[in-house]
Amino acid sequence: MEQHYMENLTLAMVSNHFSVSYNYFSKLFHDMFSTGFSEYLSHIRMEHARDLLLHSNLNISEISKKVGYSNPKHFSRMFKSAFGQSPADFRKV
């Protein structure tokens, strides 16, 4: 996931890649990481987005795409949920 977080990953795609059932993979993933697939993927994406906001001059829309979100507004909502402030406000600090 660390290498492919920017792609359109779904639990179904990954479980198919490993030739296991959706339900089995979901349970196995949760048992291994103590969180769901989507939550884990969002966490990885948000960490990378935070780093890009701190260490690049890319605009919010570009960062959104780089970390796997096609909709910048959705990205901003997810970022605010994760860090308590919008990407623009985070960058100002």
PDB file of N, CA and C in Angstrom:
ATOM      1  N   MET A   1       0.823  -1.194   0.000  1.00  0.00           N
ATOM      2  CA  MET A   1       0.000   0.000   0.000  1.00  0.00           C
ATOM      3  C   MET A   1       0.860   1.248   0.000  1.00  0.00           C
ATOM      4  N   GLU A   2       2.003   1.199   0.667  1.00  0.00           N
ATOM      5  CA  GLU A   2       2.897   2.357   0.688  1.00  0.00           C
ATOM      6  C   GLU A   2       3.372   2.725  -0.710  1.00  0.00           C
ATOM      7  N   GLN A   3       3.506   1.755  -1.583  1.00  0.00           N
ATOM      8  CA  GLN A   3       4.003   2.020  -2.934  1.00  0.00           C
ATOM      9  C   GLN A   3       2.897   2.394  -3.908  1.00  0.00           C
ATOM     10  N   HIS A   4       1.641   2.075  -3.584  1.00  0.00           N
ATOM     11  CA  HIS A   4       0.544   2.274  -4.523  1.00  0.00           C
ATOM     12  C   HIS A   4      -0.593   3.124  -3.958  1.00  0.00           C
ATOM     13  N   TYR A   5      -0.342   3.845  -2.865  1.00  0.00           N
ATOM     14  CA  TYR A   5      -1.400   4.619  -2.205  1.00  0.00           C
ATOM     15  C   TYR A   5      -2.030   5.660  -3.119  1.00  0.00           C
ATOM     16  N   MET A   6      -1.284   6.127  -4.114  1.00  0.00           N
ATOM     17  CA  MET A   6      -1.806   7.181  -4.985  1.00  0.00           C
ATOM     18  C   MET A   6      -2.710   6.645  -6.086  1.00  0.00           C
ATOM     19  N   GLU A   7      -2.784   5.337  -6.190  1.00  0.00           N
ATOM     20  CA  GLU A   7      -3.645   4.711  -7.187  1.00  0.00           C
ATOM     21  C   GLU A   7      -5.055   4.527  -6.628  1.00  0.00           C
ATOM     22  N   ASN A   8      -5.971   4.196  -7.494  1.00  0.00           N
ATOM     23  CA  ASN A   8      -7.355   3.961  -7.092  1.00  0.00           C
ATOM     24  C   ASN A   8      -7.467   2.552  -6.499  1.00  0.00           C
ATOM     25  N   LEU A   9      -7.049   2.391  -5.268  1.00  0.00           N
ATOM     26  CA  LEU A   9      -7.062   1.088  -4.606  1.00  0.00           C
ATOM     27  C   LEU A   9      -8.403   0.835  -3.935  1.00  0.00           C
ATOM     28  N   THR A  10      -8.872  -0.383  -4.066  1.00  0.00           N
ATOM     29  CA  THR A  10     -10.059  -0.802  -3.325  1.00  0.00           C
ATOM     30  C   THR A  10      -9.760  -2.140  -2.673  1.00  0.00           C
ATOM     31  N   LEU A  11     -10.514  -2.444  -1.657  1.00  0.00           N
ATOM     32  CA  LEU A  11     -10.362  -3.725  -0.981  1.00  0.00           C
ATOM     33  C   LEU A  11     -10.599  -4.869  -1.949  1.00  0.00           C
ATOM     34  N   ALA A  12     -11.574  -4.722  -2.818  1.00  0.00           N
ATOM     35  CA  ALA A  12     -11.875  -5.768  -3.797  1.00  0.00           C
ATOM     36  C   ALA A  12     -10.701  -5.997  -4.743  1.00  0.00           C
ATOM     37  N   MET A  13     -10.091  -4.924  -5.212  1.00  0.00           N
ATOM     38  CA  MET A  13      -8.955  -5.057  -6.124  1.00  0.00           C
ATOM     39  C   MET A  13      -7.787  -5.771  -5.461  1.00  0.00           C
ATOM     40  N   VAL A  14      -7.493  -5.388  -4.237  1.00  0.00           N
ATOM     41  CA  VAL A  14      -6.351  -5.976  -3.540  1.00  0.00           C
ATOM     42  C   VAL A  14      -6.627  -7.433  -3.185  1.00  0.00           C
ATOM     43  N   SER A  15      -7.831  -7.731  -2.739  1.00  0.00           N
ATOM     44  CA  SER A  15      -8.145  -9.131  -2.419  1.00  0.00           C
ATOM     45  C   SER A  15      -8.091  -9.991  -3.675  1.00  0.00           C
ATOM     46  N   ASN A  16      -8.553  -9.461  -4.800  1.00  0.00           N
ATOM     47  CA  ASN A  16      -8.443 -10.202  -6.064  1.00  0.00           C
ATOM     48  C   ASN A  16      -6.993 -10.408  -6.462  1.00  0.00           C
ATOM     49  N   HIS A  17      -6.165  -9.407  -6.240  1.00  0.00           N
ATOM     50  CA  HIS A  17      -4.740  -9.514  -6.573  1.00  0.00           C
ATOM     51  C   HIS A  17      -4.095 -10.683  -5.827  1.00  0.00           C
ATOM     52  N   PHE A  18      -4.498 -10.868  -4.577  1.00  0.00           N
ATOM     53  CA  PHE A  18      -3.944 -11.953  -3.765  1.00  0.00           C
ATOM     54  C   PHE A  18      -4.765 -13.236  -3.840  1.00  0.00           C
ATOM     55  N   SER A  19      -5.772 -13.237  -4.697  1.00  0.00           N
ATOM     56  CA  SER A  19      -6.622 -14.423  -4.923  1.00  0.00           C
ATOM     57  C   SER A  19      -7.254 -14.949  -3.641  1.00  0.00           C
ATOM     58  N   VAL A  20      -7.757 -14.032  -2.835  1.00  0.00           N
ATOM     59  CA  VAL A  20      -8.493 -14.419  -1.633  1.00  0.00           C
ATOM     60  C   VAL A  20      -9.839 -13.708  -1.656  1.00  0.00           C
ATOM     61  N   SER A  21     -10.767 -14.214  -0.890  1.00  0.00           N
ATOM     62  CA  SER A  21     -12.089 -13.600  -0.879  1.00  0.00           C
ATOM     63  C   SER A  21     -12.040 -12.230  -0.203  1.00  0.00           C
ATOM     64  N   TYR A  22     -12.971 -11.407  -0.615  1.00  0.00           N
ATOM     65  CA  TYR A  22     -13.114 -10.052  -0.078  1.00  0.00           C
ATOM     66  C   TYR A  22     -13.242 -10.097   1.445  1.00  0.00           C
ATOM     67  N   ASN A  23     -14.154 -10.929   1.946  1.00  0.00           N
ATOM     68  CA  ASN A  23     -14.405 -10.999   3.393  1.00  0.00           C
ATOM     69  C   ASN A  23     -13.194 -11.510   4.158  1.00  0.00           C
ATOM     70  N   TYR A  24     -12.527 -12.529   3.613  1.00  0.00           N
ATOM     71  CA  TYR A  24     -11.344 -13.075   4.284  1.00  0.00           C
ATOM     72  C   TYR A  24     -10.234 -12.020   4.345  1.00  0.00           C
ATOM     73  N   PHE A  25     -10.006 -11.347   3.225  1.00  0.00           N
ATOM     74  CA  PHE A  25      -8.950 -10.336   3.199  1.00  0.00           C
ATOM     75  C   PHE A  25      -9.271  -9.194   4.154  1.00  0.00           C
ATOM     76  N   SER A  26     -10.520  -8.769   4.187  1.00  0.00           N
ATOM     77  CA  SER A  26     -10.935  -7.693   5.072  1.00  0.00           C
ATOM     78  C   SER A  26     -10.663  -8.063   6.530  1.00  0.00           C
ATOM     79  N   LYS A  27     -11.037  -9.270   6.921  1.00  0.00           N
ATOM     80  CA  LYS A  27     -10.813  -9.718   8.301  1.00  0.00           C
ATOM     81  C   LYS A  27      -9.322  -9.845   8.593  1.00  0.00           C
ATOM     82  N   LEU A  28      -8.585 -10.444   7.680  1.00  0.00           N
ATOM     83  CA  LEU A  28      -7.148 -10.607   7.860  1.00  0.00           C
ATOM     84  C   LEU A  28      -6.455  -9.247   7.980  1.00  0.00           C
ATOM     85  N   PHE A  29      -6.831  -8.311   7.127  1.00  0.00           N
ATOM     86  CA  PHE A  29      -6.251  -6.976   7.174  1.00  0.00           C
ATOM     87  C   PHE A  29      -6.531  -6.316   8.521  1.00  0.00           C
ATOM     88  N   HIS A  30      -7.771  -6.392   8.961  1.00  0.00           N
ATOM     89  CA  HIS A  30      -8.139  -5.779  10.236  1.00  0.00           C
ATOM     90  C   HIS A  30      -7.398  -6.433  11.392  1.00  0.00           C
ATOM     91  N   ASP A  31      -7.254  -7.744  11.359  1.00  0.00           N
ATOM     92  CA  ASP A  31      -6.526  -8.439  12.419  1.00  0.00           C
ATOM     93  C   ASP A  31      -5.055  -8.030  12.455  1.00  0.00           C
ATOM     94  N   MET A  32      -4.470  -7.807  11.283  1.00  0.00           N
ATOM     95  CA  MET A  32      -3.046  -7.461  11.216  1.00  0.00           C
ATOM     96  C   MET A  32      -2.772  -6.006  11.582  1.00  0.00           C
ATOM     97  N   PHE A  33      -3.660  -5.083  11.181  1.00  0.00           N
ATOM     98  CA  PHE A  33      -3.382  -3.663  11.343  1.00  0.00           C
ATOM     99  C   PHE A  33      -4.301  -2.958  12.337  1.00  0.00           C
ATOM    100  N   SER A  34      -5.239  -3.679  12.914  1.00  0.00           N
ATOM    101  CA  SER A  34      -6.180  -3.126  13.897  1.00  0.00           C
ATOM    102  C   SER A  34      -6.981  -1.941  13.364  1.00  0.00           C
ATOM    103  N   THR A  35      -7.193  -1.923  12.077  1.00  0.00           N
ATOM    104  CA  THR A  35      -8.005  -0.899  11.430  1.00  0.00           C
ATOM    105  C   THR A  35      -8.466  -1.442  10.086  1.00  0.00           C
ATOM    106  N   GLY A  36      -9.455  -0.798   9.516  1.00  0.00           N
ATOM    107  CA  GLY A  36      -9.959  -1.234   8.227  1.00  0.00           C
ATOM    108  C   GLY A  36      -9.067  -0.785   7.078  1.00  0.00           C
ATOM    109  N   PHE A  37      -9.258  -1.402   5.936  1.00  0.00           N
ATOM    110  CA  PHE A  37      -8.480  -1.113   4.743  1.00  0.00           C
ATOM    111  C   PHE A  37      -8.591   0.362   4.351  1.00  0.00           C
ATOM    112  N   SER A  38      -9.800   0.874   4.252  1.00  0.00           N
ATOM    113  CA  SER A  38     -10.005   2.264   3.827  1.00  0.00           C
ATOM    114  C   SER A  38      -9.398   3.250   4.809  1.00  0.00           C
ATOM    115  N   GLU A  39      -9.538   2.985   6.086  1.00  0.00           N
ATOM    116  CA  GLU A  39      -8.972   3.872   7.095  1.00  0.00           C
ATOM    117  C   GLU A  39      -7.450   3.881   7.012  1.00  0.00           C
ATOM    118  N   TYR A  40      -6.874   2.711   6.804  1.00  0.00           N
ATOM    119  CA  TYR A  40      -5.418   2.600   6.705  1.00  0.00           C
ATOM    120  C   TYR A  40      -4.914   3.333   5.463  1.00  0.00           C
ATOM    121  N   LEU A  41      -5.596   3.140   4.348  1.00  0.00           N
ATOM    122  CA  LEU A  41      -5.221   3.820   3.110  1.00  0.00           C
ATOM    123  C   LEU A  41      -5.342   5.330   3.270  1.00  0.00           C
ATOM    124  N   SER A  42      -6.407   5.794   3.891  1.00  0.00           N
ATOM    125  CA  SER A  42      -6.576   7.232   4.134  1.00  0.00           C
ATOM    126  C   SER A  42      -5.457   7.785   5.006  1.00  0.00           C
ATOM    127  N   HIS A  43      -5.078   7.032   6.010  1.00  0.00           N
ATOM    128  CA  HIS A  43      -3.989   7.457   6.892  1.00  0.00           C
ATOM    129  C   HIS A  43      -2.686   7.629   6.107  1.00  0.00           C
ATOM    130  N   ILE A  44      -2.359   6.663   5.277  1.00  0.00           N
ATOM    131  CA  ILE A  44      -1.148   6.751   4.462  1.00  0.00           C
ATOM    132  C   ILE A  44      -1.217   7.973   3.548  1.00  0.00           C
ATOM    133  N   ARG A  45      -2.345   8.155   2.899  1.00  0.00           N
ATOM    134  CA  ARG A  45      -2.504   9.290   1.991  1.00  0.00           C
ATOM    135  C   ARG A  45      -2.376  10.618   2.730  1.00  0.00           C
ATOM    136  N   MET A  46      -2.953  10.717   3.896  1.00  0.00           N
ATOM    137  CA  MET A  46      -2.902  11.964   4.659  1.00  0.00           C
ATOM    138  C   MET A  46      -1.482  12.270   5.131  1.00  0.00           C
ATOM    139  N   GLU A  47      -0.746  11.257   5.516  1.00  0.00           N
ATOM    140  CA  GLU A  47       0.645  11.469   5.928  1.00  0.00           C
ATOM    141  C   GLU A  47       1.471  12.001   4.766  1.00  0.00           C
ATOM    142  N   HIS A  48       1.279  11.435   3.587  1.00  0.00           N
ATOM    143  CA  HIS A  48       2.001  11.907   2.410  1.00  0.00           C
ATOM    144  C   HIS A  48       1.552  13.313   2.018  1.00  0.00           C
ATOM    145  N   ALA A  49       0.268  13.586   2.136  1.00  0.00           N
ATOM    146  CA  ALA A  49      -0.245  14.923   1.831  1.00  0.00           C
ATOM    147  C   ALA A  49       0.352  15.947   2.785  1.00  0.00           C
ATOM    148  N   ARG A  50       0.418  15.614   4.047  1.00  0.00           N
ATOM    149  CA  ARG A  50       1.005  16.521   5.035  1.00  0.00           C
ATOM    150  C   ARG A  50       2.457  16.832   4.680  1.00  0.00           C
ATOM    151  N   ASP A  51       3.208  15.806   4.306  1.00  0.00           N
ATOM    152  CA  ASP A  51       4.605  16.022   3.920  1.00  0.00           C
ATOM    153  C   ASP A  51       4.716  16.913   2.686  1.00  0.00           C
ATOM    154  N   LEU A  52       3.836  16.690   1.708  1.00  0.00           N
ATOM    155  CA  LEU A  52       3.860  17.529   0.506  1.00  0.00           C
ATOM    156  C   LEU A  52       3.483  18.973   0.821  1.00  0.00           C
ATOM    157  N   LEU A  53       2.542  19.174   1.710  1.00  0.00           N
ATOM    158  CA  LEU A  53       2.169  20.536   2.103  1.00  0.00           C
ATOM    159  C   LEU A  53       3.325  21.249   2.792  1.00  0.00           C
ATOM    160  N   LEU A  54       4.085  20.516   3.572  1.00  0.00           N
ATOM    161  CA  LEU A  54       5.198  21.109   4.303  1.00  0.00           C
ATOM    162  C   LEU A  54       6.440  21.323   3.444  1.00  0.00           C
ATOM    163  N   HIS A  55       6.646  20.443   2.466  1.00  0.00           N
ATOM    164  CA  HIS A  55       7.929  20.427   1.766  1.00  0.00           C
ATOM    165  C   HIS A  55       7.847  20.623   0.258  1.00  0.00           C
ATOM    166  N   SER A  56       6.743  21.151  -0.230  1.00  0.00           N
ATOM    167  CA  SER A  56       6.648  21.418  -1.667  1.00  0.00           C
ATOM    168  C   SER A  56       5.843  22.685  -1.897  1.00  0.00           C
ATOM    169  N   ASN A  57       5.897  23.159  -3.113  1.00  0.00           N
ATOM    170  CA  ASN A  57       5.113  24.328  -3.500  1.00  0.00           C
ATOM    171  C   ASN A  57       3.917  23.933  -4.354  1.00  0.00           C
ATOM    172  N   LEU A  58       3.592  22.658  -4.381  1.00  0.00           N
ATOM    173  CA  LEU A  58       2.443  22.201  -5.160  1.00  0.00           C
ATOM    174  C   LEU A  58       1.162  22.792  -4.589  1.00  0.00           C
ATOM    175  N   ASN A  59       0.202  23.082  -5.471  1.00  0.00           N
ATOM    176  CA  ASN A  59      -1.063  23.586  -4.948  1.00  0.00           C
ATOM    177  C   ASN A  59      -1.906  22.422  -4.414  1.00  0.00           C
ATOM    178  N   ILE A  60      -2.972  22.760  -3.716  1.00  0.00           N
ATOM    179  CA  ILE A  60      -3.804  21.757  -3.043  1.00  0.00           C
ATOM    180  C   ILE A  60      -4.365  20.749  -4.041  1.00  0.00           C
ATOM    181  N   SER A  61      -4.779  21.207  -5.188  1.00  0.00           N
ATOM    182  CA  SER A  61      -5.335  20.325  -6.204  1.00  0.00           C
ATOM    183  C   SER A  61      -4.291  19.315  -6.690  1.00  0.00           C
ATOM    184  N   GLU A  62      -3.073  19.772  -6.895  1.00  0.00           N
ATOM    185  CA  GLU A  62      -1.996  18.883  -7.331  1.00  0.00           C
ATOM    186  C   GLU A  62      -1.661  17.852  -6.250  1.00  0.00           C
ATOM    187  N   ILE A  63      -1.621  18.296  -5.019  1.00  0.00           N
ATOM    188  CA  ILE A  63      -1.344  17.379  -3.906  1.00  0.00           C
ATOM    189  C   ILE A  63      -2.461  16.353  -3.805  1.00  0.00           C
ATOM    190  N   SER A  64      -3.685  16.804  -3.946  1.00  0.00           N
ATOM    191  CA  SER A  64      -4.837  15.907  -3.907  1.00  0.00           C
ATOM    192  C   SER A  64      -4.657  14.765  -4.906  1.00  0.00           C
ATOM    193  N   LYS A  65      -4.300  15.093  -6.122  1.00  0.00           N
ATOM    194  CA  LYS A  65      -4.110  14.077  -7.162  1.00  0.00           C
ATOM    195  C   LYS A  65      -2.910  13.190  -6.868  1.00  0.00           C
ATOM    196  N   LYS A  66      -1.831  13.776  -6.368  1.00  0.00           N
ATOM    197  CA  LYS A  66      -0.617  13.005  -6.081  1.00  0.00           C
ATOM    198  C   LYS A  66      -0.837  11.942  -5.007  1.00  0.00           C
ATOM    199  N   VAL A  67      -1.751  12.210  -4.085  1.00  0.00           N
ATOM    200  CA  VAL A  67      -1.970  11.244  -3.006  1.00  0.00           C
ATOM    201  C   VAL A  67      -3.198  10.357  -3.229  1.00  0.00           C
ATOM    202  N   GLY A  68      -3.800  10.448  -4.418  1.00  0.00           N
ATOM    203  CA  GLY A  68      -4.848   9.486  -4.757  1.00  0.00           C
ATOM    204  C   GLY A  68      -6.280   9.985  -4.697  1.00  0.00           C
ATOM    205  N   TYR A  69      -6.484  11.287  -4.557  1.00  0.00           N
ATOM    206  CA  TYR A  69      -7.839  11.829  -4.534  1.00  0.00           C
ATOM    207  C   TYR A  69      -8.098  12.607  -5.821  1.00  0.00           C
ATOM    208  N   SER A  70      -9.106  12.203  -6.565  1.00  0.00           N
ATOM    209  CA  SER A  70      -9.419  12.908  -7.813  1.00  0.00           C
ATOM    210  C   SER A  70     -10.237  14.163  -7.555  1.00  0.00           C
ATOM    211  N   ASN A  71     -10.880  14.244  -6.409  1.00  0.00           N
ATOM    212  CA  ASN A  71     -11.713  15.390  -6.073  1.00  0.00           C
ATOM    213  C   ASN A  71     -11.043  16.206  -4.959  1.00  0.00           C
ATOM    214  N   PRO A  72     -10.524  17.399  -5.280  1.00  0.00           N
ATOM    215  CA  PRO A  72      -9.845  18.204  -4.262  1.00  0.00           C
ATOM    216  C   PRO A  72     -10.723  18.583  -3.069  1.00  0.00           C
ATOM    217  N   LYS A  73     -12.017  18.755  -3.289  1.00  0.00           N
ATOM    218  CA  LYS A  73     -12.906  19.086  -2.160  1.00  0.00           C
ATOM    219  C   LYS A  73     -13.009  17.911  -1.191  1.00  0.00           C
ATOM    220  N   HIS A  74     -13.110  16.717  -1.739  1.00  0.00           N
ATOM    221  CA  HIS A  74     -13.144  15.528  -0.884  1.00  0.00           C
ATOM    222  C   HIS A  74     -11.817  15.389  -0.136  1.00  0.00           C
ATOM    223  N   PHE A  75     -10.723  15.614  -0.840  1.00  0.00           N
ATOM    224  CA  PHE A  75      -9.405  15.583  -0.200  1.00  0.00           C
ATOM    225  C   PHE A  75      -9.349  16.569   0.962  1.00  0.00           C
ATOM    226  N   SER A  76      -9.822  17.785   0.748  1.00  0.00           N
ATOM    227  CA  SER A  76      -9.785  18.801   1.803  1.00  0.00           C
ATOM    228  C   SER A  76     -10.612  18.387   3.010  1.00  0.00           C
ATOM    229  N   ARG A  77     -11.776  17.781   2.761  1.00  0.00           N
ATOM    230  CA  ARG A  77     -12.606  17.295   3.880  1.00  0.00           C
ATOM    231  C   ARG A  77     -11.885  16.189   4.652  1.00  0.00           C
ATOM    232  N   MET A  78     -11.258  15.274   3.928  1.00  0.00           N
ATOM    233  CA  MET A  78     -10.531  14.180   4.576  1.00  0.00           C
ATOM    234  C   MET A  78      -9.342  14.724   5.373  1.00  0.00           C
ATOM    235  N   PHE A  79      -8.642  15.693   4.801  1.00  0.00           N
ATOM    236  CA  PHE A  79      -7.491  16.287   5.481  1.00  0.00           C
ATOM    237  C   PHE A  79      -7.935  16.984   6.763  1.00  0.00           C
ATOM    238  N   LYS A  80      -9.008  17.741   6.673  1.00  0.00           N
ATOM    239  CA  LYS A  80      -9.513  18.442   7.854  1.00  0.00           C
ATOM    240  C   LYS A  80      -9.953  17.455   8.930  1.00  0.00           C
ATOM    241  N   SER A  81     -10.553  16.366   8.505  1.00  0.00           N
ATOM    242  CA  SER A  81     -10.966  15.335   9.456  1.00  0.00           C
ATOM    243  C   SER A  81      -9.748  14.712  10.144  1.00  0.00           C
ATOM    244  N   ALA A  82      -8.676  14.523   9.398  1.00  0.00           N
ATOM    245  CA  ALA A  82      -7.479  13.887   9.948  1.00  0.00           C
ATOM    246  C   ALA A  82      -6.656  14.820  10.828  1.00  0.00           C
ATOM    247  N   PHE A  83      -6.551  16.101  10.433  1.00  0.00           N
ATOM    248  CA  PHE A  83      -5.633  17.007  11.118  1.00  0.00           C
ATOM    249  C   PHE A  83      -6.302  18.204  11.795  1.00  0.00           C
ATOM    250  N   GLY A  84      -7.612  18.324  11.665  1.00  0.00           N
ATOM    251  CA  GLY A  84      -8.322  19.385  12.361  1.00  0.00           C
ATOM    252  C   GLY A  84      -8.268  20.749  11.709  1.00  0.00           C
ATOM    253  N   GLN A  85      -7.690  20.820  10.535  1.00  0.00           N
ATOM    254  CA  GLN A  85      -7.659  22.076   9.791  1.00  0.00           C
ATOM    255  C   GLN A  85      -7.546  21.783   8.304  1.00  0.00           C
ATOM    256  N   SER A  86      -7.921  22.757   7.511  1.00  0.00           N
ATOM    257  CA  SER A  86      -7.880  22.569   6.065  1.00  0.00           C
ATOM    258  C   SER A  86      -6.426  22.499   5.595  1.00  0.00           C
ATOM    259  N   PRO A  87      -6.196  21.935   4.415  1.00  0.00           N
ATOM    260  CA  PRO A  87      -4.822  21.921   3.884  1.00  0.00           C
ATOM    261  C   PRO A  87      -4.236  23.332   3.760  1.00  0.00           C
ATOM    262  N   ALA A  88      -5.052  24.296   3.333  1.00  0.00           N
ATOM    263  CA  ALA A  88      -4.556  25.669   3.187  1.00  0.00           C
ATOM    264  C   ALA A  88      -4.147  26.253   4.539  1.00  0.00           C
ATOM    265  N   ASP A  89      -4.970  26.039   5.560  1.00  0.00           N
ATOM    266  CA  ASP A  89      -4.627  26.537   6.899  1.00  0.00           C
ATOM    267  C   ASP A  89      -3.408  25.816   7.459  1.00  0.00           C
ATOM    268  N   PHE A  90      -3.305  24.525   7.212  1.00  0.00           N
ATOM    269  CA  PHE A  90      -2.159  23.758   7.677  1.00  0.00           C
ATOM    270  C   PHE A  90      -0.865  24.305   7.073  1.00  0.00           C
ATOM    271  N   ARG A  91      -0.916  24.630   5.793  1.00  0.00           N
ATOM    272  CA  ARG A  91       0.272  25.129   5.104  1.00  0.00           C
ATOM    273  C   ARG A  91       0.709  26.497   5.654  1.00  0.00           C
ATOM    274  N   LYS A  92      -0.235  27.300   6.100  1.00  0.00           N
ATOM    275  CA  LYS A  92       0.090  28.645   6.612  1.00  0.00           C
ATOM    276  C   LYS A  92       0.907  28.599   7.899  1.00  0.00           C
ATOM    277  N   VAL A  93       0.738  27.540   8.662  1.00  0.00           N
ATOM    278  CA  VAL A  93       1.398  27.452   9.981  1.00  0.00           C
ATOM    279  C   VAL A  93       2.851  27.192   9.888  1.00  0.00           C
TER     280      VAL A  93
END
